[in-house]
Amino acid sequence: MPVRDRRPRVSRRARRRTAAIALVVPLAGLLAVAATSTASMAAGPPAPTAAAASASGAAADQVTVTPAQSLATVPGTAIGINASTYDGSLLDPQVPGLLRGAGISVVRLPGGSESDQYDWKTNTDVIGNYAEAVDFGQFMSVIRKAGAQAMVTVDYGTGTTIGQQDGSGETGPQIAADWVRYANVEHHYGIKYWEIGNEVYGNGTYGADWEADAHCTTTPTGGPVILGSEPGQTYNCGPATYAAGVAQYISAMKAVDPRISVGVVLTASGAPNNWPDGVTNPVTSPESWNQTVLSALGKTIGFADVHWYPQNPSNVTPPGPTDAGLLAATAQIPAAVSALRTEFADWAGDARLPIMITETNSVSSNPGQQTLSVVNALYLEQDYLTWLDNGVSNVDWWQIHNGIVTSGDNGAALAGSAGYGDYGVLSDGSCGTTPAGTQVCEPPAETPFPAYYGLQMLSRFIQPGDTLVAASSSQSLVQVFAAKASSGQLRVMIVNDDPASSYGIDLTVPGYRLAPSAPVLFYGQQSAAPATLSGPAARAAAAAAAPYSITTLTLTRG
């Protein structure tokens, strides 16, 4: 889990919830494509054949696909995204269609850290006592119109505080059970996936506090923390306290609807930058978070709720993010999944416990212009597909809208030229002031950013029920994924992480062929949107992977 900078609670939304359009930096020799996602292009990459690409100086890339070597089946919950109750733009009429167009199957709500201070009944923030922009009924209207399902994070941090404030005396588990009853019994929404709290390990147990948690005290024997003004180090709210509370939540919620699956907060394991994975504290956490929670709850856990942001901004870990570092980070994922599976077996008695990556994006806080560049779209493909190749059940991007952030890393060494950042895949039209005092504004609300187009490319590459199969590349900067459909088609996605070099594609799959007339799906540095190429443009794209690009080929038997 990435290290967070300590911020005052009032800045919670602006932390990792802080955005804008990337007018990506053009580089010499790029493939220029400007088309709608359904356009048939008459022109495309300059090299019509692999031989011509090689002759022009492009290195050859041997792409190997093994259709008989199955890795995983694409679940119906594969492509998810986060939504937040403070996001007024979520109610814009274009949003359901945009979510459907990106292939979103799961929408997680009510919004990261806000989940641990959210009163779903009154649609208010427990600490600030202000009304939120989107209530639960409105969430469900948007989600159902989009053809997706909801995943709900219930309030662990201040759940019991709600009952104290409203005079009902209800506990957090009872408030959560009321939500299940309202959603699944009274309104028949059929929400299957629920999770207890957000990043609860960020409650000060390990010396960093960004998550509201009324269970905490200021000293080992002191009084309760003042919500909104907690110290960096807190006590009596570590993983053992969380596990005991979760047991009560699961019991209360499943008493209302035994069909639901209830997830618990765990840390990502087995890879760098996953703080506080493996961290202990002799007073607050004698054993690690995962060991304590898994050992206490065992097979009552419905799924592991894990977050992953591979980079930190420069104000947390200098020198900050790099494009090459981000694109290489997904190589950590197989080891992370393997480590989690070992922990599940050792401490919960079930290595097959489902894993859901319920938050992910490029940087843990303070996003800069890289988030709005083609690099984040390339990373998105590799992020989702590497987790899915390794058998996880769901990956949720952070998030639909977030808002402009002008304080992130915006140097010339990073891809992008917006001069600001945004975690959202869609603009919310917000404005901000740069450190130099210049006002900058995002494009009109609902303008897609590159990560949105990454989701479009992803959802056109995989469908529920497809079989992900082994694929590899001879070039270290070219990543390859393959999916076998029940129709017999074999789709191959080639992601070129090289900012300047093309690679001639040498693809031979026994028993399959790429028909000369087969369309090719493409998105690259100068693309206005994903393009369906045909004719010479399709043949050129199939022959050579352009710099910083995503290319999807469809092969048929024969």
Protein backbone atom coordinates (compact mmCIF):
# COMPACT_ATOMS: atom_id res chain seq x y z
CA MET A 1 0.00 0.00 0.00
CA PRO A 2 1.47 3.34 -0.97
CA VAL A 3 2.67 5.70 1.72
CA ARG A 4 0.37 8.67 2.13
CA ASP A 5 1.34 12.13 3.16
CA ARG A 6 -0.38 13.20 6.33
CA ARG A 7 -3.03 15.74 5.51
CA PRO A 8 -5.64 17.47 7.64
CA ARG A 9 -8.96 15.68 7.45
CA VAL A 10 -10.50 18.66 5.69
CA SER A 11 -8.24 17.86 2.69
CA ARG A 12 -9.40 14.24 2.44
CA ARG A 13 -11.08 14.72 -0.89
CA ALA A 14 -8.20 16.61 -2.39
CA ARG A 15 -5.64 14.01 -1.43
CA ARG A 16 -5.99 11.07 -3.68
CA ARG A 17 -9.20 12.50 -4.69
CA THR A 18 -7.52 15.40 -6.42
CA ALA A 19 -7.00 16.34 -11.82
CA ALA A 20 -7.34 17.37 -16.14
CA ILE A 21 -7.06 16.83 -19.82
CA ALA A 22 -3.74 15.77 -21.15
CA LEU A 23 -2.82 17.21 -24.48
CA VAL A 24 -0.17 14.54 -24.82
CA VAL A 25 3.32 15.59 -25.80
CA PRO A 26 3.87 14.81 -29.49
CA LEU A 27 7.10 12.98 -30.32
CA ALA A 28 8.78 12.65 -33.69
CA GLY A 29 7.68 9.67 -35.73
CA LEU A 30 4.38 9.09 -33.88
CA LEU A 31 1.44 7.47 -35.48
CA ALA A 32 -1.20 10.19 -35.85
CA VAL A 33 -4.74 8.97 -35.59
CA ALA A 34 -7.71 11.21 -34.93
CA ALA A 35 -10.96 9.32 -35.22
CA THR A 36 -14.05 8.28 -33.36
CA SER A 37 -14.03 4.88 -31.74
CA THR A 38 -16.01 3.39 -34.61
CA ALA A 39 -14.25 5.11 -37.49
CA SER A 40 -12.82 3.09 -40.33
CA MET A 41 -9.48 4.68 -41.17
CA ALA A 42 -8.06 4.95 -44.65
CA ALA A 43 -4.59 5.87 -43.46
CA GLY A 44 -2.55 4.86 -40.46
CA PRO A 45 0.91 3.77 -39.40
CA PRO A 46 3.52 4.57 -41.99
CA ALA A 47 4.84 1.00 -42.28
CA PRO A 48 2.44 -1.37 -44.11
CA THR A 49 4.40 -4.54 -43.43
CA ALA A 50 6.69 -5.97 -40.77
CA ALA A 51 9.45 -6.19 -43.36
CA ALA A 52 9.10 -2.52 -44.20
CA ALA A 53 9.09 -1.66 -40.50
CA SER A 54 12.33 -3.57 -40.05
CA ALA A 55 13.86 -1.91 -43.08
CA SER A 56 13.04 1.51 -41.68
CA GLY A 57 14.97 0.76 -38.50
CA ALA A 58 12.23 -0.63 -36.23
CA ALA A 59 13.44 -3.49 -34.06
CA ALA A 60 11.62 -6.79 -34.44
CA ASP A 61 9.37 -8.06 -31.67
CA GLN A 62 8.64 -11.76 -31.50
CA VAL A 63 5.15 -12.05 -30.04
CA THR A 64 4.33 -15.48 -28.66
CA VAL A 65 0.80 -16.57 -27.75
CA THR A 66 -0.03 -20.01 -26.34
CA PRO A 67 -3.81 -20.49 -26.63
CA ALA A 68 -3.65 -23.85 -24.86
CA GLN A 69 -2.10 -22.29 -21.72
CA SER A 70 -5.04 -20.81 -19.82
CA LEU A 71 -4.34 -18.27 -17.09
CA ALA A 72 -7.79 -17.22 -15.86
CA THR A 73 -11.39 -16.68 -16.91
CA VAL A 74 -12.59 -13.09 -17.23
CA PRO A 75 -15.18 -12.58 -14.47
CA GLY A 76 -18.34 -10.52 -14.91
CA THR A 77 -16.99 -8.15 -12.28
CA ALA A 78 -13.65 -7.53 -13.99
CA ILE A 79 -13.89 -3.89 -15.05
CA GLY A 80 -14.87 -1.61 -12.19
CA ILE A 81 -14.54 2.04 -11.22
CA ASN A 82 -15.06 4.21 -8.14
CA ALA A 83 -17.71 6.87 -7.68
CA SER A 84 -18.02 9.39 -4.86
CA THR A 85 -20.97 10.86 -3.03
CA TYR A 86 -19.37 14.34 -3.28
CA ASP A 87 -19.29 14.17 -7.08
CA GLY A 88 -22.14 16.32 -8.35
CA SER A 89 -21.08 15.69 -11.96
CA LEU A 90 -22.08 12.05 -11.50
CA LEU A 91 -25.68 13.13 -12.09
CA ASP A 92 -24.95 14.64 -15.52
CA PRO A 93 -27.21 12.88 -18.05
CA GLN A 94 -24.27 11.73 -20.20
CA VAL A 95 -22.65 9.70 -17.43
CA PRO A 96 -24.60 6.39 -17.68
CA GLY A 97 -23.91 6.20 -21.41
CA LEU A 98 -20.24 7.00 -20.91
CA LEU A 99 -19.92 4.27 -18.27
CA ARG A 100 -21.67 1.80 -20.54
CA GLY A 101 -19.39 2.87 -23.40
CA ALA A 102 -16.35 2.10 -21.25
CA GLY A 103 -17.63 -1.37 -20.40
CA ILE A 104 -17.94 -0.70 -16.66
CA SER A 105 -19.46 -3.67 -14.81
CA VAL A 106 -18.98 -2.57 -11.17
CA VAL A 107 -19.24 0.86 -9.54
CA ARG A 108 -17.85 1.12 -6.01
CA LEU A 109 -19.40 3.70 -3.69
CA PRO A 110 -19.70 5.97 -1.69
CA GLY A 111 -16.12 7.13 -2.30
CA GLY A 112 -12.85 6.02 -0.71
CA SER A 113 -12.09 7.63 2.64
CA GLU A 114 -15.47 9.36 2.64
CA SER A 115 -16.94 5.89 3.24
CA ASP A 116 -15.63 5.95 6.81
CA GLN A 117 -17.42 9.16 7.66
CA TYR A 118 -20.61 8.82 5.61
CA ASP A 119 -24.16 8.60 6.93
CA TRP A 120 -26.05 6.89 4.15
CA LYS A 121 -29.47 7.54 5.70
CA THR A 122 -29.13 11.33 5.73
CA ASN A 123 -26.55 11.58 2.91
CA THR A 124 -24.28 13.68 5.11
CA ASP A 125 -20.67 13.72 6.21
CA VAL A 126 -20.53 12.60 9.85
CA ILE A 127 -17.60 14.86 10.76
CA GLY A 128 -18.41 17.98 8.74
CA ASN A 129 -22.20 17.63 9.04
CA TYR A 130 -22.74 18.82 5.48
CA ALA A 131 -24.97 17.35 2.79
CA GLU A 132 -23.34 15.34 0.03
CA ALA A 133 -24.10 15.83 -3.66
CA VAL A 134 -25.28 12.30 -4.52
CA ASP A 135 -27.47 10.11 -2.32
CA PHE A 136 -27.77 6.34 -2.45
CA GLY A 137 -30.92 6.34 -4.57
CA GLN A 138 -29.26 8.60 -7.13
CA PHE A 139 -26.18 6.36 -7.15
CA MET A 140 -28.33 3.36 -7.93
CA SER A 141 -30.21 5.17 -10.69
CA VAL A 142 -26.95 6.02 -12.48
CA ILE A 143 -25.50 2.54 -11.95
CA ARG A 144 -28.58 0.73 -13.22
CA LYS A 145 -28.83 2.96 -16.28
CA ALA A 146 -25.18 2.14 -16.98
CA GLY A 147 -25.95 -1.60 -16.84
CA ALA A 148 -23.51 -2.10 -13.96
CA GLN A 149 -23.75 -3.41 -10.39
CA ALA A 150 -22.89 -1.58 -7.18
CA MET A 151 -20.24 -2.43 -4.60
CA VAL A 152 -20.86 -0.68 -1.27
CA THR A 153 -18.34 0.27 1.40
CA VAL A 154 -20.09 0.63 4.75
CA ASP A 155 -18.97 3.05 7.44
CA TYR A 156 -16.63 1.31 9.88
CA GLY A 157 -14.82 4.41 11.10
CA THR A 158 -17.78 6.47 12.35
CA GLY A 159 -20.69 4.03 12.03
CA THR A 160 -21.43 3.98 15.74
CA THR A 161 -20.99 7.76 15.88
CA ILE A 162 -24.03 8.04 13.59
CA GLY A 163 -26.21 6.26 16.14
CA GLN A 164 -24.89 8.52 18.88
CA GLN A 165 -25.56 11.68 16.87
CA ASP A 166 -29.07 10.82 15.70
CA GLY A 167 -30.21 9.51 19.09
CA SER A 168 -31.07 6.04 17.81
CA GLY A 169 -28.25 4.39 19.73
CA GLU A 170 -27.60 2.08 16.79
CA THR A 171 -24.12 0.67 16.41
CA GLY A 172 -22.06 0.67 13.23
CA PRO A 173 -22.99 -2.97 12.48
CA GLN A 174 -26.69 -2.15 12.87
CA ILE A 175 -26.42 0.92 10.62
CA ALA A 176 -24.72 -1.28 7.98
CA ALA A 177 -27.39 -3.96 8.33
CA ASP A 178 -30.04 -1.27 7.81
CA TRP A 179 -28.33 -0.37 4.53
CA VAL A 180 -28.40 -4.00 3.37
CA ARG A 181 -32.08 -4.20 4.30
CA TYR A 182 -32.92 -0.96 2.49
CA ALA A 183 -31.00 -1.99 -0.63
CA ASN A 184 -31.73 -5.69 -0.99
CA VAL A 185 -34.97 -6.34 0.92
CA GLU A 186 -36.95 -3.13 0.51
CA HIS A 187 -35.67 -2.00 -2.91
CA HIS A 188 -34.52 -5.33 -4.39
CA TYR A 189 -31.26 -3.93 -5.78
CA GLY A 190 -29.57 -7.30 -5.26
CA ILE A 191 -26.21 -5.80 -4.28
CA LYS A 192 -23.86 -8.72 -3.69
CA TYR A 193 -20.56 -7.09 -2.75
CA TRP A 194 -20.17 -5.11 0.48
CA GLU A 195 -16.98 -4.19 2.32
CA ILE A 196 -16.26 -3.02 5.84
CA GLY A 197 -14.48 0.32 5.84
CA ASN A 198 -11.97 1.78 3.44
CA GLU A 199 -8.23 2.06 4.22
CA VAL A 200 -8.70 1.44 7.92
CA TYR A 201 -4.97 0.79 8.46
CA GLY A 202 -4.57 4.53 7.77
CA ASN A 203 -6.23 5.38 11.10
CA GLY A 204 -2.95 6.20 12.88
CA THR A 205 -2.15 2.66 14.02
CA TYR A 206 1.12 2.78 12.08
CA GLY A 207 1.86 6.47 12.56
CA ALA A 208 0.03 7.91 9.56
CA ASP A 209 -3.56 9.08 9.83
CA TRP A 210 -5.85 9.83 6.92
CA GLU A 211 -8.83 7.56 7.68
CA ALA A 212 -11.51 8.57 10.19
CA ASP A 213 -11.86 6.03 13.02
CA ALA A 214 -13.75 6.77 16.22
CA HIS A 215 -12.44 3.54 17.79
CA CYS A 216 -9.03 5.20 18.27
CA THR A 217 -7.64 6.85 21.39
CA THR A 218 -4.96 9.51 21.67
CA THR A 219 -2.71 7.48 24.01
CA PRO A 220 -2.65 3.82 25.12
CA THR A 221 -4.80 4.75 28.14
CA GLY A 222 -6.19 8.07 26.91
CA GLY A 223 -9.54 9.24 25.74
CA PRO A 224 -11.06 8.98 22.26
CA VAL A 225 -9.67 10.99 19.39
CA ILE A 226 -11.44 14.12 18.25
CA LEU A 227 -12.72 13.26 14.79
CA GLY A 228 -11.16 15.57 12.25
CA SER A 229 -8.25 16.43 14.56
CA GLU A 230 -6.63 13.07 15.22
CA PRO A 231 -2.93 12.81 16.03
CA GLY A 232 -0.65 11.02 13.59
CA GLN A 233 -0.17 8.13 16.04
CA THR A 234 -3.30 6.61 17.57
CA TYR A 235 -3.99 3.62 19.83
CA ASN A 236 -6.52 0.87 20.53
CA CYS A 237 -7.80 0.74 16.94
CA GLY A 238 -5.35 -1.66 15.28
CA PRO A 239 -6.03 -4.79 13.25
CA ALA A 240 -7.30 -6.81 16.23
CA THR A 241 -9.93 -4.15 16.96
CA TYR A 242 -10.86 -4.01 13.28
CA ALA A 243 -11.21 -7.80 13.03
CA ALA A 244 -13.44 -7.94 16.11
CA GLY A 245 -15.62 -5.19 14.70
CA VAL A 246 -15.80 -6.80 11.27
CA ALA A 247 -17.09 -10.03 12.83
CA GLN A 248 -20.01 -8.06 14.25
CA TYR A 249 -20.64 -6.32 10.92
CA ILE A 250 -20.65 -9.58 8.98
CA SER A 251 -23.04 -11.21 11.45
CA ALA A 252 -25.49 -8.29 11.38
CA MET A 253 -25.40 -7.79 7.63
CA LYS A 254 -25.72 -11.47 6.73
CA ALA A 255 -28.62 -11.84 9.14
CA VAL A 256 -30.49 -9.51 6.78
CA ASP A 257 -29.29 -11.07 3.51
CA PRO A 258 -27.17 -14.23 3.75
CA ARG A 259 -26.45 -14.13 0.00
CA ILE A 260 -24.13 -11.12 0.19
CA SER A 261 -20.35 -11.35 0.06
CA VAL A 262 -18.56 -9.18 2.63
CA GLY A 263 -14.99 -8.03 2.00
CA VAL A 264 -12.39 -6.95 4.53
CA VAL A 265 -9.56 -4.44 4.27
CA LEU A 266 -6.13 -5.98 3.66
CA THR A 267 -2.81 -4.61 2.46
CA ALA A 268 -1.21 -5.57 -0.86
CA SER A 269 1.68 -7.97 -0.28
CA GLY A 270 4.86 -9.16 -1.89
CA ALA A 271 5.85 -6.00 -3.75
CA PRO A 272 7.45 -2.61 -2.99
CA ASN A 273 5.43 0.47 -2.05
CA ASN A 274 2.64 -1.44 -0.30
CA TRP A 275 2.91 0.20 3.11
CA PRO A 276 1.95 -0.84 5.76
CA ASP A 277 2.19 -4.41 4.51
CA GLY A 278 4.21 -6.44 7.01
CA VAL A 279 4.64 -3.51 9.39
CA THR A 280 4.22 -4.16 13.12
CA ASN A 281 4.08 -1.98 16.21
CA PRO A 282 4.65 -3.52 19.64
CA VAL A 283 1.82 -1.47 21.13
CA THR A 284 -0.78 -1.06 18.38
CA SER A 285 -0.11 -4.02 16.08
CA PRO A 286 2.16 -6.77 17.47
CA GLU A 287 1.50 -8.79 14.32
CA SER A 288 1.02 -7.43 10.83
CA TRP A 289 -2.35 -6.16 9.66
CA ASN A 290 -2.97 -9.07 7.30
CA GLN A 291 -1.87 -11.76 9.74
CA THR A 292 -4.07 -10.38 12.50
CA VAL A 293 -7.19 -9.90 10.35
CA LEU A 294 -6.91 -13.14 8.40
CA SER A 295 -6.19 -15.24 11.50
CA ALA A 296 -9.16 -13.78 13.36
CA LEU A 297 -11.75 -13.96 10.59
CA GLY A 298 -10.66 -16.95 8.50
CA LYS A 299 -13.27 -18.33 6.14
CA THR A 300 -15.95 -15.83 7.16
CA ILE A 301 -14.25 -13.37 4.78
CA GLY A 302 -16.06 -13.01 1.47
CA PHE A 303 -13.20 -11.35 -0.39
CA ALA A 304 -9.95 -9.49 0.20
CA ASP A 305 -10.27 -5.74 -0.36
CA VAL A 306 -6.87 -4.50 -1.58
CA HIS A 307 -5.70 -1.12 -2.94
CA TRP A 308 -2.69 -0.52 -5.16
CA TYR A 309 -1.02 2.73 -6.24
CA PRO A 310 2.52 1.91 -7.40
CA GLN A 311 4.03 5.43 -7.22
CA ASN A 312 4.15 8.26 -4.70
CA PRO A 313 4.31 11.96 -5.58
CA SER A 314 7.53 13.87 -5.03
CA ASN A 315 6.18 15.59 -1.91
CA VAL A 316 5.98 12.12 -0.29
CA THR A 317 8.88 10.20 -1.83
CA PRO A 318 11.34 12.33 -3.83
CA PRO A 319 12.03 12.44 -6.70
CA GLY A 320 8.47 11.29 -7.39
CA PRO A 321 6.88 9.43 -10.30
CA THR A 322 8.47 8.57 -13.62
CA ASP A 323 6.85 7.33 -16.80
CA ALA A 324 9.18 4.36 -17.12
CA GLY A 325 8.74 3.47 -13.46
CA LEU A 326 4.96 3.48 -13.73
CA LEU A 327 4.90 1.35 -16.86
CA ALA A 328 7.31 -1.16 -15.31
CA ALA A 329 5.40 -1.37 -12.02
CA THR A 330 2.88 -3.99 -13.09
CA ALA A 331 5.70 -6.55 -13.13
CA GLN A 332 5.26 -6.54 -9.32
CA ILE A 333 1.70 -7.88 -9.50
CA PRO A 334 2.32 -11.64 -9.89
CA ALA A 335 4.49 -11.66 -6.75
CA ALA A 336 1.87 -9.64 -4.87
CA VAL A 337 -0.89 -12.11 -5.74
CA SER A 338 1.32 -15.08 -4.87
CA ALA A 339 2.18 -13.54 -1.49
CA LEU A 340 -1.48 -12.87 -0.73
CA ARG A 341 -2.42 -16.44 -1.65
CA THR A 342 0.25 -17.76 0.71
CA GLU A 343 -1.08 -15.54 3.50
CA PHE A 344 -4.63 -16.69 2.83
CA ALA A 345 -3.56 -20.32 3.08
CA ASP A 346 -1.43 -19.84 6.17
CA TRP A 347 -3.68 -17.55 8.18
CA ALA A 348 -7.24 -17.96 6.84
CA GLY A 349 -7.09 -21.58 5.72
CA ASP A 350 -8.24 -20.79 2.19
CA ALA A 351 -5.75 -19.87 -0.54
CA ARG A 352 -8.63 -19.36 -2.98
CA LEU A 353 -10.13 -16.36 -1.17
CA PRO A 354 -11.24 -13.93 -3.90
CA ILE A 355 -9.16 -10.77 -4.35
CA MET A 356 -10.68 -7.47 -5.41
CA ILE A 357 -8.46 -4.49 -6.22
CA THR A 358 -11.05 -1.92 -5.21
CA GLU A 359 -8.83 1.12 -5.80
CA THR A 360 -5.97 1.64 -8.21
CA ASN A 361 -4.40 4.42 -10.24
CA SER A 362 -0.89 5.62 -10.94
CA VAL A 363 0.08 7.71 -7.92
CA SER A 364 -0.96 7.50 -4.27
CA SER A 365 -1.79 11.20 -3.84
CA ASN A 366 -1.40 14.63 -5.42
CA PRO A 367 -1.78 13.57 -9.08
CA GLY A 368 0.07 15.48 -11.77
CA GLN A 369 -0.06 15.67 -15.53
CA GLN A 370 1.02 12.05 -16.02
CA THR A 371 -2.48 11.00 -14.93
CA LEU A 372 -3.89 12.82 -17.97
CA SER A 373 -1.46 11.47 -20.53
CA VAL A 374 -1.36 8.46 -22.80
CA VAL A 375 1.05 6.89 -20.30
CA ASN A 376 -1.77 6.44 -17.79
CA ALA A 377 -3.88 4.76 -20.49
CA LEU A 378 -1.02 2.34 -21.23
CA TYR A 379 -0.60 1.69 -17.51
CA LEU A 380 -4.34 1.09 -17.11
CA GLU A 381 -4.30 -1.78 -19.63
CA GLN A 382 -1.34 -3.44 -17.94
CA ASP A 383 -2.73 -2.82 -14.46
CA TYR A 384 -6.13 -4.42 -15.08
CA LEU A 385 -4.90 -7.23 -17.30
CA THR A 386 -1.97 -8.31 -15.12
CA TRP A 387 -4.21 -8.54 -12.04
CA LEU A 388 -6.82 -10.44 -14.09
CA ASP A 389 -4.19 -12.75 -15.64
CA ASN A 390 -3.29 -13.64 -12.06
CA GLY A 391 -6.83 -14.53 -11.10
CA VAL A 392 -8.24 -11.51 -9.24
CA SER A 393 -12.01 -11.05 -9.41
CA ASN A 394 -12.32 -7.30 -9.86
CA VAL A 395 -10.25 -4.15 -10.50
CA ASP A 396 -11.72 -0.69 -9.76
CA TRP A 397 -10.06 2.45 -11.12
CA TRP A 398 -10.00 5.58 -8.97
CA GLN A 399 -12.33 7.23 -10.21
CA ILE A 400 -15.14 8.56 -12.52
CA HIS A 401 -14.67 12.27 -11.71
CA ASN A 402 -12.19 13.70 -9.26
CA GLY A 403 -11.39 17.32 -10.05
CA ILE A 404 -8.42 19.42 -11.03
CA VAL A 405 -5.22 19.25 -8.95
CA THR A 406 -2.54 21.86 -9.59
CA SER A 407 -0.02 20.94 -6.89
CA GLY A 408 1.16 17.62 -8.30
CA ASP A 409 4.21 16.68 -10.36
CA ASN A 410 4.03 18.52 -13.68
CA GLY A 411 7.64 18.64 -14.85
CA ALA A 412 8.79 18.22 -18.41
CA ALA A 413 10.21 14.77 -17.63
CA LEU A 414 6.68 13.39 -17.25
CA ALA A 415 4.28 12.64 -20.08
CA GLY A 416 1.46 15.09 -20.56
CA SER A 417 1.25 18.82 -21.10
CA ALA A 418 -1.83 19.87 -19.15
CA GLY A 419 0.18 21.31 -16.27
CA TYR A 420 -2.22 19.79 -13.76
CA GLY A 421 -3.56 16.38 -12.82
CA ASP A 422 -6.85 14.56 -12.26
CA TYR A 423 -7.57 10.99 -11.12
CA GLY A 424 -10.90 11.02 -12.96
CA VAL A 425 -11.48 9.38 -16.30
CA LEU A 426 -13.93 12.18 -17.11
CA SER A 427 -13.51 15.91 -16.66
CA ASP A 428 -15.72 17.72 -14.17
CA GLY A 429 -14.92 21.11 -15.71
CA SER A 430 -13.20 22.42 -12.58
CA CYS A 431 -10.56 25.16 -12.43
CA GLY A 432 -7.56 25.76 -10.18
CA THR A 433 -4.55 27.99 -9.65
CA THR A 434 -1.03 26.76 -10.34
CA PRO A 435 1.86 27.40 -7.91
CA ALA A 436 2.90 30.21 -10.27
CA GLY A 437 -0.50 31.87 -9.79
CA THR A 438 -1.96 31.05 -13.19
CA GLN A 439 -5.56 29.88 -13.42
CA VAL A 440 -6.08 26.71 -15.42
CA CYS A 441 -9.32 24.94 -16.22
CA GLU A 442 -10.32 21.51 -17.37
CA PRO A 443 -12.31 21.05 -20.57
CA PRO A 444 -16.12 20.91 -20.29
CA ALA A 445 -17.54 18.34 -17.89
CA GLU A 446 -17.76 14.78 -19.25
CA THR A 447 -14.87 15.25 -21.66
CA PRO A 448 -13.01 11.91 -21.60
CA PHE A 449 -9.37 11.80 -20.52
CA PRO A 450 -6.89 9.20 -21.88
CA ALA A 451 -7.62 6.73 -19.06
CA TYR A 452 -11.24 6.62 -20.23
CA TYR A 453 -10.06 5.56 -23.67
CA GLY A 454 -7.88 2.96 -21.96
CA LEU A 455 -11.06 1.53 -20.43
CA GLN A 456 -12.71 1.49 -23.84
CA MET A 457 -9.77 -0.41 -25.32
CA LEU A 458 -9.87 -2.82 -22.37
CA SER A 459 -13.59 -3.55 -22.58
CA ARG A 460 -13.31 -4.23 -26.31
CA PHE A 461 -10.45 -6.61 -25.67
CA ILE A 462 -12.01 -8.76 -22.91
CA GLN A 463 -15.55 -9.91 -22.28
CA PRO A 464 -16.94 -11.93 -19.34
CA GLY A 465 -16.30 -15.61 -19.92
CA ASP A 466 -13.26 -15.10 -22.15
CA THR A 467 -10.19 -17.17 -21.31
CA LEU A 468 -7.01 -15.22 -20.69
CA VAL A 469 -4.09 -17.17 -22.15
CA ALA A 470 -0.32 -16.95 -21.98
CA ALA A 471 1.38 -14.34 -24.15
CA SER A 472 4.83 -12.79 -24.21
CA SER A 473 7.10 -10.43 -26.10
CA SER A 474 10.79 -10.57 -26.96
CA GLN A 475 11.07 -6.82 -26.30
CA SER A 476 11.12 -5.69 -22.67
CA LEU A 477 9.17 -2.50 -23.42
CA VAL A 478 6.39 -4.31 -25.26
CA GLN A 479 3.70 -6.00 -23.17
CA VAL A 480 1.38 -8.58 -24.71
CA PHE A 481 -1.94 -9.99 -23.50
CA ALA A 482 -4.24 -12.52 -25.15
CA ALA A 483 -7.87 -13.54 -24.68
CA LYS A 484 -9.68 -16.48 -26.25
CA ALA A 485 -13.41 -15.99 -26.83
CA SER A 486 -16.03 -18.73 -26.82
CA SER A 487 -16.65 -17.91 -30.50
CA GLY A 488 -13.17 -19.18 -31.29
CA GLN A 489 -11.64 -15.77 -31.89
CA LEU A 490 -8.29 -14.98 -30.33
CA ARG A 491 -7.67 -11.35 -29.45
CA VAL A 492 -4.12 -10.10 -28.89
CA MET A 493 -3.34 -6.74 -27.25
CA ILE A 494 0.11 -5.24 -27.81
CA VAL A 495 1.12 -2.32 -25.55
CA ASN A 496 4.27 -0.46 -26.55
CA ASP A 497 5.75 1.29 -23.50
CA ASP A 498 8.58 2.82 -25.52
CA PRO A 499 8.09 6.59 -26.00
CA ALA A 500 10.17 6.82 -29.16
CA SER A 501 10.62 3.47 -30.92
CA SER A 502 8.34 1.33 -33.05
CA TYR A 503 8.68 -2.45 -33.08
CA GLY A 504 7.97 -4.71 -36.01
CA ILE A 505 5.43 -7.33 -34.89
CA ASP A 506 6.29 -10.93 -35.69
CA LEU A 507 3.17 -12.83 -34.60
CA THR A 508 2.55 -16.45 -35.46
CA VAL A 509 0.00 -18.50 -33.55
CA PRO A 510 -0.41 -22.13 -34.70
CA GLY A 511 -3.98 -22.74 -35.73
CA TYR A 512 -4.87 -19.04 -35.97
CA ARG A 513 -4.46 -16.37 -38.59
CA LEU A 514 -4.93 -12.64 -38.97
CA ALA A 515 -7.07 -12.16 -42.06
CA PRO A 516 -5.86 -9.42 -44.44
CA SER A 517 -9.23 -7.69 -44.08
CA ALA A 518 -9.40 -7.98 -40.27
CA PRO A 519 -9.97 -4.66 -38.51
CA VAL A 520 -7.45 -3.48 -35.91
CA LEU A 521 -8.27 -1.43 -32.82
CA PHE A 522 -5.72 1.29 -32.05
CA TYR A 523 -5.06 4.05 -29.52
CA GLY A 524 -1.84 6.07 -29.36
CA GLN A 525 -0.14 9.33 -28.49
CA GLN A 526 -1.97 11.49 -30.98
CA SER A 527 -5.27 9.61 -31.05
CA ALA A 528 -8.41 11.58 -30.34
CA ALA A 529 -10.11 8.30 -29.33
CA PRO A 530 -9.72 4.57 -30.02
CA ALA A 531 -9.95 3.92 -33.74
CA THR A 532 -11.08 0.85 -35.63
CA LEU A 533 -8.63 0.68 -38.52
CA SER A 534 -9.26 -1.10 -41.80
CA GLY A 535 -7.47 -1.59 -45.08
CA PRO A 536 -3.86 -0.34 -45.35
CA ALA A 537 -4.04 1.38 -41.95
CA ALA A 538 -5.04 -1.88 -40.27
CA ARG A 539 -2.29 -3.81 -42.01
CA ALA A 540 0.28 -1.19 -40.99
CA ALA A 541 -0.84 -1.24 -37.34
CA ALA A 542 -0.70 -5.03 -37.32
CA ALA A 543 2.83 -4.91 -38.73
CA ALA A 544 4.43 -2.49 -36.27
CA ALA A 545 3.64 -1.29 -32.75
CA ALA A 546 3.94 2.51 -32.73
CA PRO A 547 5.59 4.33 -29.80
CA TYR A 548 3.36 4.68 -26.71
CA SER A 549 0.44 2.81 -28.25
CA ILE A 550 -2.15 0.08 -27.69
CA THR A 551 -3.02 -2.22 -30.58
CA THR A 552 -5.60 -5.02 -30.53
CA LEU A 553 -5.58 -7.72 -33.21
CA THR A 554 -8.31 -10.31 -33.74
CA LEU A 555 -7.26 -13.70 -35.07
CA THR A 556 -9.54 -16.47 -36.31
CA ARG A 557 -9.01 -20.21 -36.60
CA GLY A 558 -7.55 -21.42 -39.82
